[in-house]
C-alpha atoms as a PDB file:
ATOM      1  CA  MET A   1      26.680 112.679  50.614  1.00  0.00           C
ATOM      2  CA  SER A   2      27.742 112.148  54.214  1.00  0.00           C
ATOM      3  CA  ARG A   3      26.341 113.858  57.270  1.00  0.00           C
ATOM      4  CA  THR A   4      29.546 115.908  57.599  1.00  0.00           C
ATOM      5  CA  ASP A   5      29.204 117.107  54.013  1.00  0.00           C
ATOM      6  CA  ASP A   6      25.579 118.114  54.648  1.00  0.00           C
ATOM      7  CA  ARG A   7      26.638 120.025  57.764  1.00  0.00           C
ATOM      8  CA  ASP A   8      29.454 121.843  55.959  1.00  0.00           C
ATOM      9  CA  SER A   9      27.185 122.744  53.054  1.00  0.00           C
ATOM     10  CA  ALA A  10      24.541 124.180  55.391  1.00  0.00           C
ATOM     11  CA  LEU A  11      27.140 126.219  57.294  1.00  0.00           C
ATOM     12  CA  GLU A  12      28.493 127.592  54.021  1.00  0.00           C
ATOM     13  CA  ASP A  13      24.964 128.704  53.031  1.00  0.00           C
ATOM     14  CA  VAL A  14      24.673 130.478  56.374  1.00  0.00           C
ATOM     15  CA  ARG A  15      27.997 132.255  55.859  1.00  0.00           C
ATOM     16  CA  LYS A  16      26.917 133.430  52.393  1.00  0.00           C
ATOM     17  CA  GLY A  17      23.597 134.674  53.719  1.00  0.00           C
ATOM     18  CA  ASP A  18      21.467 132.171  51.792  1.00  0.00           C
ATOM     19  CA  LEU A  19      20.128 130.810  55.096  1.00  0.00           C
ATOM     20  CA  ASP A  20      19.298 132.697  58.296  1.00  0.00           C
ATOM     21  CA  GLY A  21      20.707 129.823  60.339  1.00  0.00           C
ATOM     22  CA  ALA A  22      21.404 126.096  60.593  1.00  0.00           C
ATOM     23  CA  VAL A  23      20.500 123.683  63.430  1.00  0.00           C
ATOM     24  CA  GLU A  24      22.638 120.794  64.629  1.00  0.00           C
ATOM     25  CA  MET A  25      21.755 118.160  67.246  1.00  0.00           C
ATOM     26  CA  ASP A  26      24.555 116.982  69.567  1.00  0.00           C
ATOM     27  CA  GLY A  27      22.978 114.628  72.085  1.00  0.00           C
ATOM     28  CA  ASN A  28      20.589 116.745  74.148  1.00  0.00           C
ATOM     29  CA  ARG A  29      22.044 119.961  72.830  1.00  0.00           C
ATOM     30  CA  VAL A  30      20.502 121.981  69.993  1.00  0.00           C
ATOM     31  CA  ILE A  31      23.308 123.985  68.400  1.00  0.00           C
ATOM     32  CA  ALA A  32      22.246 126.946  66.281  1.00  0.00           C
ATOM     33  CA  HIS A  33      24.685 128.360  63.731  1.00  0.00           C
ATOM     34  CA  PHE A  34      24.060 131.872  62.402  1.00  0.00           C
ATOM     35  CA  THR A  35      26.165 134.696  61.017  1.00  0.00           C
ATOM     36  CA  ALA A  36      26.596 138.107  62.641  1.00  0.00           C
ATOM     37  CA  ALA A  37      26.635 139.711  59.180  1.00  0.00           C
ATOM     38  CA  ASP A  38      22.827 139.565  59.175  1.00  0.00           C
ATOM     39  CA  GLY A  39      22.008 140.749  62.659  1.00  0.00           C
ATOM     40  CA  GLN A  40      18.269 140.901  62.109  1.00  0.00           C
ATOM     41  CA  GLY A  41      17.986 137.435  60.558  1.00  0.00           C
ATOM     42  CA  GLY A  42      20.355 135.888  63.104  1.00  0.00           C
ATOM     43  CA  SER A  43      18.494 137.391  66.057  1.00  0.00           C
ATOM     44  CA  ARG A  44      15.178 136.218  64.658  1.00  0.00           C
ATOM     45  CA  THR A  45      16.498 132.684  64.150  1.00  0.00           C
ATOM     46  CA  ALA A  46      18.104 132.511  67.602  1.00  0.00           C
ATOM     47  CA  GLY A  47      14.965 133.794  69.309  1.00  0.00           C
ATOM     48  CA  THR A  48      12.708 131.333  67.496  1.00  0.00           C
ATOM     49  CA  LEU A  49      14.939 128.366  68.332  1.00  0.00           C
ATOM     50  CA  ARG A  50      15.290 129.437  71.966  1.00  0.00           C
ATOM     51  CA  ALA A  51      11.511 129.587  72.298  1.00  0.00           C
ATOM     52  CA  PHE A  52      11.187 126.159  70.675  1.00  0.00           C
ATOM     53  CA  VAL A  53      13.745 124.607  73.049  1.00  0.00           C
ATOM     54  CA  ASP A  54      12.099 126.209  76.088  1.00  0.00           C
ATOM     55  CA  GLN A  55       8.692 124.873  75.066  1.00  0.00           C
ATOM     56  CA  ALA A  56      10.178 121.429  74.432  1.00  0.00           C
ATOM     57  CA  ASN A  57      11.765 121.397  77.899  1.00  0.00           C
ATOM     58  CA  VAL A  58       8.469 122.357  79.545  1.00  0.00           C
ATOM     59  CA  ALA A  59       6.603 119.688  77.579  1.00  0.00           C
ATOM     60  CA  ALA A  60       9.199 117.031  78.487  1.00  0.00           C
ATOM     61  CA  SER A  61       8.906 117.823  82.198  1.00  0.00           C
ATOM     62  CA  GLY A  62       5.166 117.093  82.161  1.00  0.00           C
ATOM     63  CA  ALA A  63       4.458 120.194  84.267  1.00  0.00           C
ATOM     64  CA  PRO A  64       1.692 122.562  83.117  1.00  0.00           C
ATOM     65  CA  PRO A  65       2.885 125.995  81.972  1.00  0.00           C
ATOM     66  CA  THR A  66       2.951 128.597  84.748  1.00  0.00           C
ATOM     67  CA  PHE A  67       2.433 131.617  82.505  1.00  0.00           C
ATOM     68  CA  GLU A  68       0.190 132.209  79.532  1.00  0.00           C
ATOM     69  CA  TYR A  69       1.102 134.472  76.622  1.00  0.00           C
ATOM     70  CA  VAL A  70      -1.816 136.651  75.472  1.00  0.00           C
ATOM     71  CA  PRO A  71      -1.140 139.097  72.585  1.00  0.00           C
ATOM     72  CA  VAL A  72      -3.289 142.241  72.669  1.00  0.00           C
ATOM     73  CA  GLN A  73      -3.426 144.807  69.886  1.00  0.00           C
ATOM     74  CA  VAL A  74      -2.661 148.314  71.134  1.00  0.00           C
ATOM     75  CA  GLU A  75      -4.928 150.172  68.725  1.00  0.00           C
ATOM     76  CA  ASP A  76      -8.631 150.513  69.268  1.00  0.00           C
ATOM     77  CA  GLU A  77     -10.515 147.710  67.561  1.00  0.00           C
ATOM     78  CA  GLU A  78     -12.676 150.332  65.854  1.00  0.00           C
ATOM     79  CA  LEU A  79      -9.611 151.974  64.277  1.00  0.00           C
ATOM     80  CA  SER A  80      -9.878 151.371  60.546  1.00  0.00           C
ATOM     81  CA  ALA A  81      -7.489 151.857  57.664  1.00  0.00           C
ATOM     82  CA  ILE A  82      -9.104 155.180  56.776  1.00  0.00           C
ATOM     83  CA  GLN A  83      -7.622 156.648  59.986  1.00  0.00           C
ATOM     84  CA  PHE A  84      -4.087 156.066  58.722  1.00  0.00           C
ATOM     85  CA  VAL A  85      -4.728 156.751  55.030  1.00  0.00           C
ATOM     86  CA  THR A  86      -6.437 160.137  55.441  1.00  0.00           C
ATOM     87  CA  PRO A  87      -3.518 162.310  56.674  1.00  0.00           C
ATOM     88  CA  GLY A  88      -1.136 161.013  54.023  1.00  0.00           C
ATOM     89  CA  LEU A  89      -3.542 161.400  51.118  1.00  0.00           C
ATOM     90  CA  LEU A  90      -4.628 164.837  52.324  1.00  0.00           C
ATOM     91  CA  GLY A  91      -1.006 165.963  52.568  1.00  0.00           C
ATOM     92  CA  TRP A  92      -0.315 164.666  49.071  1.00  0.00           C
ATOM     93  CA  ALA A  93      -3.391 166.420  47.646  1.00  0.00           C
ATOM     94  CA  VAL A  94      -2.430 169.737  49.275  1.00  0.00           C
ATOM     95  CA  ALA A  95       1.147 169.443  48.008  1.00  0.00           C
ATOM     96  CA  MET A  96       0.123 168.647  44.431  1.00  0.00           C
ATOM     97  CA  SER A  97      -2.481 171.398  44.218  1.00  0.00           C
ATOM     98  CA  ALA A  98      -0.261 174.119  45.702  1.00  0.00           C
ATOM     99  CA  ALA A  99       2.879 173.201  43.742  1.00  0.00           C
ATOM    100  CA  PHE A 100       1.118 172.814  40.386  1.00  0.00           C
ATOM    101  CA  GLY A 101      -0.885 176.007  40.808  1.00  0.00           C
ATOM    102  CA  ALA A 102       2.129 178.127  41.773  1.00  0.00           C
ATOM    103  CA  ALA A 103       4.333 176.718  38.987  1.00  0.00           C
ATOM    104  CA  ALA A 104       1.720 177.287  36.271  1.00  0.00           C
ATOM    105  CA  THR A 105       0.789 180.740  37.586  1.00  0.00           C
ATOM    106  CA  LEU A 106       4.372 181.999  37.746  1.00  0.00           C
ATOM    107  CA  GLN A 107       5.146 180.794  34.235  1.00  0.00           C
ATOM    108  CA  GLY A 108       1.877 182.219  32.915  1.00  0.00           C
ATOM    109  CA  TRP A 109       2.609 185.612  34.438  1.00  0.00           C
ATOM    110  CA  ARG A 110       6.143 185.545  33.067  1.00  0.00           C
ATOM    111  CA  GLN A 111       5.199 184.588  29.530  1.00  0.00           C
ATOM    112  CA  SER A 112       2.366 187.128  29.327  1.00  0.00           C
ATOM    113  CA  LYS A 113       4.444 189.864  31.022  1.00  0.00           C
ATOM    114  CA  LEU A 114       1.497 190.364  33.342  1.00  0.00           C
ATOM    115  CA  MET A 115       3.530 191.375  36.384  1.00  0.00           C
ATOM    116  CA  ARG A 116       5.363 194.060  34.443  1.00  0.00           C
ATOM    117  CA  ARG A 117       2.098 195.434  33.140  1.00  0.00           C
ATOM    118  CA  LEU A 118       0.561 195.423  36.586  1.00  0.00           C
ATOM    119  CA  GLN A 119       3.448 197.516  37.870  1.00  0.00           C
ATOM    120  CA  LEU A 120       1.978 200.371  35.828  1.00  0.00           C
ATOM    121  CA  SER A 121      -1.521 199.869  37.267  1.00  0.00           C
ATOM    122  CA  PRO A 122      -2.904 201.400  40.492  1.00  0.00           C
ATOM    123  CA  VAL A 123      -2.932 197.944  42.115  1.00  0.00           C
ATOM    124  CA  LYS A 124       0.377 197.155  43.795  1.00  0.00           C
ATOM    125  CA  THR A 125       2.212 193.933  43.025  1.00  0.00           C
ATOM    126  CA  PRO A 126       2.281 192.696  46.666  1.00  0.00           C
ATOM    127  CA  THR A 127      -1.503 192.974  46.750  1.00  0.00           C
ATOM    128  CA  ILE A 128      -1.852 190.781  43.685  1.00  0.00           C
ATOM    129  CA  VAL A 129       0.582 188.200  45.030  1.00  0.00           C
ATOM    130  CA  ALA A 130      -1.196 188.180  48.401  1.00  0.00           C
ATOM    131  CA  ALA A 131      -4.541 187.655  46.660  1.00  0.00           C
ATOM    132  CA  ARG A 132      -3.132 184.699  44.737  1.00  0.00           C
ATOM    133  CA  VAL A 133      -1.768 183.180  47.952  1.00  0.00           C
ATOM    134  CA  PHE A 134      -5.089 183.733  49.728  1.00  0.00           C
ATOM    135  CA  VAL A 135      -7.006 181.995  46.933  1.00  0.00           C
ATOM    136  CA  THR A 136      -4.635 179.003  47.020  1.00  0.00           C
ATOM    137  CA  ILE A 137      -4.977 178.662  50.813  1.00  0.00           C
ATOM    138  CA  ALA A 138      -8.767 178.969  50.580  1.00  0.00           C
ATOM    139  CA  ILE A 139      -8.858 176.207  47.958  1.00  0.00           C
ATOM    140  CA  ALA A 140      -6.686 173.996  50.191  1.00  0.00           C
ATOM    141  CA  LEU A 141      -9.003 174.517  53.177  1.00  0.00           C
ATOM    142  CA  VAL A 142     -12.102 173.769  51.106  1.00  0.00           C
ATOM    143  CA  GLN A 143     -10.320 170.707  49.787  1.00  0.00           C
ATOM    144  CA  MET A 144      -9.568 169.645  53.356  1.00  0.00           C
ATOM    145  CA  ALA A 145     -13.192 170.136  54.438  1.00  0.00           C
ATOM    146  CA  ILE A 146     -14.501 168.055  51.521  1.00  0.00           C
ATOM    147  CA  PHE A 147     -11.868 165.386  52.109  1.00  0.00           C
ATOM    148  CA  LEU A 148     -12.596 165.019  55.827  1.00  0.00           C
ATOM    149  CA  GLY A 149     -16.343 165.297  55.345  1.00  0.00           C
ATOM    150  CA  LEU A 150     -16.372 162.564  52.717  1.00  0.00           C
ATOM    151  CA  GLY A 151     -14.106 160.400  54.872  1.00  0.00           C
ATOM    152  CA  LYS A 152     -16.404 160.778  57.865  1.00  0.00           C
ATOM    153  CA  LEU A 153     -19.692 160.260  56.048  1.00  0.00           C
ATOM    154  CA  ALA A 154     -18.675 157.559  53.602  1.00  0.00           C
ATOM    155  CA  PHE A 155     -15.867 155.698  55.386  1.00  0.00           C
ATOM    156  CA  GLY A 156     -16.453 156.302  59.100  1.00  0.00           C
ATOM    157  CA  LEU A 157     -13.427 158.523  59.686  1.00  0.00           C
ATOM    158  CA  GLN A 158     -12.989 159.349  63.390  1.00  0.00           C
ATOM    159  CA  LEU A 159     -11.013 162.495  64.232  1.00  0.00           C
ATOM    160  CA  ASP A 160      -9.183 162.371  67.549  1.00  0.00           C
ATOM    161  CA  GLY A 161      -7.101 164.681  69.737  1.00  0.00           C
ATOM    162  CA  SER A 162      -6.479 168.274  68.658  1.00  0.00           C
ATOM    163  CA  TRP A 163      -7.533 167.468  65.089  1.00  0.00           C
ATOM    164  CA  TRP A 164      -8.302 171.125  64.392  1.00  0.00           C
ATOM    165  CA  MET A 165      -4.545 171.774  64.447  1.00  0.00           C
ATOM    166  CA  ALA A 166      -4.578 170.196  60.999  1.00  0.00           C
ATOM    167  CA  ILE A 167      -5.901 173.564  59.762  1.00  0.00           C
ATOM    168  CA  PRO A 168      -2.703 175.557  60.473  1.00  0.00           C
ATOM    169  CA  LEU A 169      -0.717 172.574  59.242  1.00  0.00           C
ATOM    170  CA  VAL A 170      -2.568 172.686  55.924  1.00  0.00           C
ATOM    171  CA  VAL A 171      -2.072 176.467  55.695  1.00  0.00           C
ATOM    172  CA  VAL A 172       1.688 176.282  56.285  1.00  0.00           C
ATOM    173  CA  GLY A 173       1.953 173.176  54.110  1.00  0.00           C
ATOM    174  CA  THR A 174       0.220 175.042  51.285  1.00  0.00           C
ATOM    175  CA  LEU A 175       2.691 177.912  51.557  1.00  0.00           C
ATOM    176  CA  CYS A 176       5.569 175.441  51.616  1.00  0.00           C
ATOM    177  CA  PHE A 177       4.531 173.681  48.435  1.00  0.00           C
ATOM    178  CA  MET A 178       3.648 176.942  46.748  1.00  0.00           C
ATOM    179  CA  ALA A 179       7.328 177.744  47.303  1.00  0.00           C
ATOM    180  CA  VAL A 180       8.224 174.420  45.660  1.00  0.00           C
ATOM    181  CA  GLY A 181       6.011 175.393  42.715  1.00  0.00           C
ATOM    182  CA  LEU A 182       7.693 178.809  42.500  1.00  0.00           C
ATOM    183  CA  LEU A 183      11.064 177.079  42.368  1.00  0.00           C
ATOM    184  CA  ALA A 184       9.846 174.858  39.528  1.00  0.00           C
ATOM    185  CA  GLY A 185       8.471 177.886  37.696  1.00  0.00           C
ATOM    186  CA  ALA A 186      11.718 179.791  38.189  1.00  0.00           C
ATOM    187  CA  ILE A 187      13.807 176.984  36.705  1.00  0.00           C
ATOM    188  CA  ALA A 188      11.577 175.875  33.825  1.00  0.00           C
ATOM    189  CA  LYS A 189      11.219 177.803  30.551  1.00  0.00           C
ATOM    190  CA  THR A 190       7.597 176.972  29.712  1.00  0.00           C
ATOM    191  CA  THR A 191       4.340 176.417  31.561  1.00  0.00           C
ATOM    192  CA  GLU A 192       4.332 172.732  30.616  1.00  0.00           C
ATOM    193  CA  GLY A 193       7.917 172.407  31.806  1.00  0.00           C
ATOM    194  CA  ALA A 194       7.080 174.103  35.093  1.00  0.00           C
ATOM    195  CA  VAL A 195       4.149 171.758  35.752  1.00  0.00           C
ATOM    196  CA  ASN A 196       6.247 168.717  34.868  1.00  0.00           C
ATOM    197  CA  MET A 197       9.059 169.876  37.144  1.00  0.00           C
ATOM    198  CA  ALA A 198       6.596 170.428  40.005  1.00  0.00           C
ATOM    199  CA  ASN A 199       5.377 166.887  39.435  1.00  0.00           C
ATOM    200  CA  PHE A 200       9.000 165.701  39.451  1.00  0.00           C
ATOM    201  CA  PHE A 201       9.493 167.345  42.852  1.00  0.00           C
ATOM    202  CA  VAL A 202       6.255 166.312  44.552  1.00  0.00           C
ATOM    203  CA  LEU A 203       5.378 162.831  43.284  1.00  0.00           C
ATOM    204  CA  PRO A 204       8.575 161.055  44.413  1.00  0.00           C
ATOM    205  CA  MET A 205       8.313 162.981  47.673  1.00  0.00           C
ATOM    206  CA  ALA A 206       4.861 161.492  48.207  1.00  0.00           C
ATOM    207  CA  PHE A 207       6.211 157.942  47.959  1.00  0.00           C
ATOM    208  CA  LEU A 208       9.184 158.725  50.208  1.00  0.00           C
ATOM    209  CA  SER A 209       7.142 160.589  52.844  1.00  0.00           C
ATOM    210  CA  GLY A 210       4.566 157.974  53.769  1.00  0.00           C
ATOM    211  CA  SER A 211       1.599 159.360  51.821  1.00  0.00           C
ATOM    212  CA  PHE A 212       0.730 156.005  50.252  1.00  0.00           C
ATOM    213  CA  PHE A 213       2.242 153.443  52.652  1.00  0.00           C
ATOM    214  CA  PRO A 214       3.628 153.520  56.214  1.00  0.00           C
ATOM    215  CA  LEU A 215       7.346 154.147  56.482  1.00  0.00           C
ATOM    216  CA  ASP A 216       7.684 151.647  59.342  1.00  0.00           C
ATOM    217  CA  VAL A 217       8.260 148.909  56.763  1.00  0.00           C
ATOM    218  CA  ALA A 218      10.879 150.925  54.872  1.00  0.00           C
ATOM    219  CA  PRO A 219      14.651 150.508  55.393  1.00  0.00           C
ATOM    220  CA  ASP A 220      16.339 152.696  57.985  1.00  0.00           C
ATOM    221  CA  TRP A 221      18.207 154.742  55.369  1.00  0.00           C
ATOM    222  CA  LEU A 222      14.958 155.539  53.571  1.00  0.00           C
ATOM    223  CA  GLN A 223      13.349 156.682  56.819  1.00  0.00           C
ATOM    224  CA  THR A 224      16.322 158.988  57.347  1.00  0.00           C
ATOM    225  CA  VAL A 225      15.940 160.454  53.848  1.00  0.00           C
ATOM    226  CA  ALA A 226      12.199 160.950  54.417  1.00  0.00           C
ATOM    227  CA  LYS A 227      12.843 163.177  57.433  1.00  0.00           C
ATOM    228  CA  ALA A 228      14.601 165.683  55.167  1.00  0.00           C
ATOM    229  CA  LEU A 229      11.450 166.135  53.051  1.00  0.00           C
ATOM    230  CA  PRO A 230       8.729 168.683  53.936  1.00  0.00           C
ATOM    231  CA  LEU A 231       5.862 166.365  53.006  1.00  0.00           C
ATOM    232  CA  TYR A 232       7.030 163.884  55.644  1.00  0.00           C
ATOM    233  CA  HIS A 233       6.610 166.490  58.382  1.00  0.00           C
ATOM    234  CA  LEU A 234       3.238 167.595  57.023  1.00  0.00           C
ATOM    235  CA  ASN A 235       2.022 163.984  57.001  1.00  0.00           C
ATOM    236  CA  GLN A 236       3.411 163.190  60.448  1.00  0.00           C
ATOM    237  CA  GLY A 237       2.025 166.377  61.962  1.00  0.00           C
ATOM    238  CA  MET A 238      -1.483 165.640  60.704  1.00  0.00           C
ATOM    239  CA  LEU A 239      -1.173 162.003  61.726  1.00  0.00           C
ATOM    240  CA  ASP A 240      -0.275 163.068  65.275  1.00  0.00           C
ATOM    241  CA  VAL A 241      -3.176 165.462  65.771  1.00  0.00           C
ATOM    242  CA  MET A 242      -5.823 163.646  63.723  1.00  0.00           C
ATOM    243  CA  VAL A 243      -5.218 159.975  64.511  1.00  0.00           C
ATOM    244  CA  ARG A 244      -2.774 159.529  67.382  1.00  0.00           C
ATOM    245  CA  GLY A 245      -4.704 161.801  69.750  1.00  0.00           C
ATOM    246  CA  GLU A 246      -1.785 164.171  70.349  1.00  0.00           C
ATOM    247  CA  GLY A 247      -2.235 167.709  71.649  1.00  0.00           C
ATOM    248  CA  VAL A 248      -1.465 171.115  70.185  1.00  0.00           C
ATOM    249  CA  LEU A 249       2.264 170.939  70.908  1.00  0.00           C
ATOM    250  CA  ALA A 250       2.683 167.894  68.669  1.00  0.00           C
ATOM    251  CA  ALA A 251       1.964 170.005  65.568  1.00  0.00           C
ATOM    252  CA  LEU A 252       4.349 172.860  66.395  1.00  0.00           C
ATOM    253  CA  PRO A 253       7.616 171.158  65.285  1.00  0.00           C
ATOM    254  CA  ALA A 254       6.084 170.282  61.908  1.00  0.00           C
ATOM    255  CA  ILE A 255       4.768 173.827  61.486  1.00  0.00           C
ATOM    256  CA  GLY A 256       8.196 175.274  62.291  1.00  0.00           C
ATOM    257  CA  ILE A 257      10.005 172.967  59.845  1.00  0.00           C
ATOM    258  CA  LEU A 258       7.525 173.695  57.055  1.00  0.00           C
ATOM    259  CA  ALA A 259       7.792 177.454  57.661  1.00  0.00           C
ATOM    260  CA  ALA A 260      11.603 177.312  57.555  1.00  0.00           C
ATOM    261  CA  PHE A 261      11.502 175.259  54.373  1.00  0.00           C
ATOM    262  CA  THR A 262       9.129 177.833  52.837  1.00  0.00           C
ATOM    263  CA  VAL A 263      11.501 180.715  53.516  1.00  0.00           C
ATOM    264  CA  VAL A 264      14.576 178.893  52.185  1.00  0.00           C
ATOM    265  CA  VAL A 265      12.887 177.688  48.975  1.00  0.00           C
ATOM    266  CA  CYS A 266      11.300 181.109  48.317  1.00  0.00           C
ATOM    267  CA  LEU A 267      14.703 182.787  48.601  1.00  0.00           C
ATOM    268  CA  LEU A 268      16.196 180.202  46.249  1.00  0.00           C
ATOM    269  CA  ALA A 269      13.359 180.671  43.737  1.00  0.00           C
ATOM    270  CA  ALA A 270      13.760 184.458  43.859  1.00  0.00           C
ATOM    271  CA  LYS A 271      17.478 184.127  43.185  1.00  0.00           C
ATOM    272  CA  LEU A 272      16.953 181.835  40.193  1.00  0.00           C
ATOM    273  CA  PHE A 273      13.964 183.666  38.690  1.00  0.00           C
ATOM    274  CA  ARG A 274      14.478 185.609  35.467  1.00  0.00           C
ATOM    275  CA  TRP A 275      11.883 187.525  33.543  1.00  0.00           C
ATOM    276  CA  GLU A 276      13.366 186.504  30.219  1.00  0.00           C
ATOM    277  CA  THR A 277      12.796 182.853  29.296  1.00  0.00           C
ATOM    278  CA  VAL A 278      15.567 182.660  26.708  1.00  0.00           C
END
């Protein structure tokens, strides 16, 4: 195969996207061929080759380099993986507990006709519902305390900034995912179905909201989808106040979004709820 054939074959691979780029020497010129269809790959290839040519020119001149490149990591050297893992896992745990508990409770009350029976008792229904909500929030806060305590004692977790703002975030997040559980309980016909539907809602949300891995490595479209999910805002809010050293104001947008989501999902669950399961 001739040199021209090799060149044409390489250029065709670049056009098809099989190669990020192709290099051709023409005397003292280094010609880089890349396609605009892959902007990221083409930019990376062009930048790498430009740096190589610049270094080659400096080396050929025999002059010592004037500037020195020194990369420095922005994060504190003591910042460990537990700092980034904790908010996401805590958000996921709160979401699972609240959604599962609300879904199972609503279906249990519906199947046993408990709420209708309690309407005849001296205790008012809003009081019972409020007690159930209070218990769920208390469990979430105890869960948070155990989680953070274990992280600090066993893994060296360091809380930074207005970390205590994670408490209202957990409270509102619990209410939000209780609403998700109510929606699952309103749609499903059995307790098992309600729990499975809550799992169907929350588990994919955990993967898409950065609970298990950072979203920085995800495609742009997936990051856009994640911002429409409540767990994303719960995770980001706790990450801001617990790890990134942000102040009180950093948690307020997440709290507002979670509260709005709670109201909308509760209204939807109330509209879909039926006492009869058949």
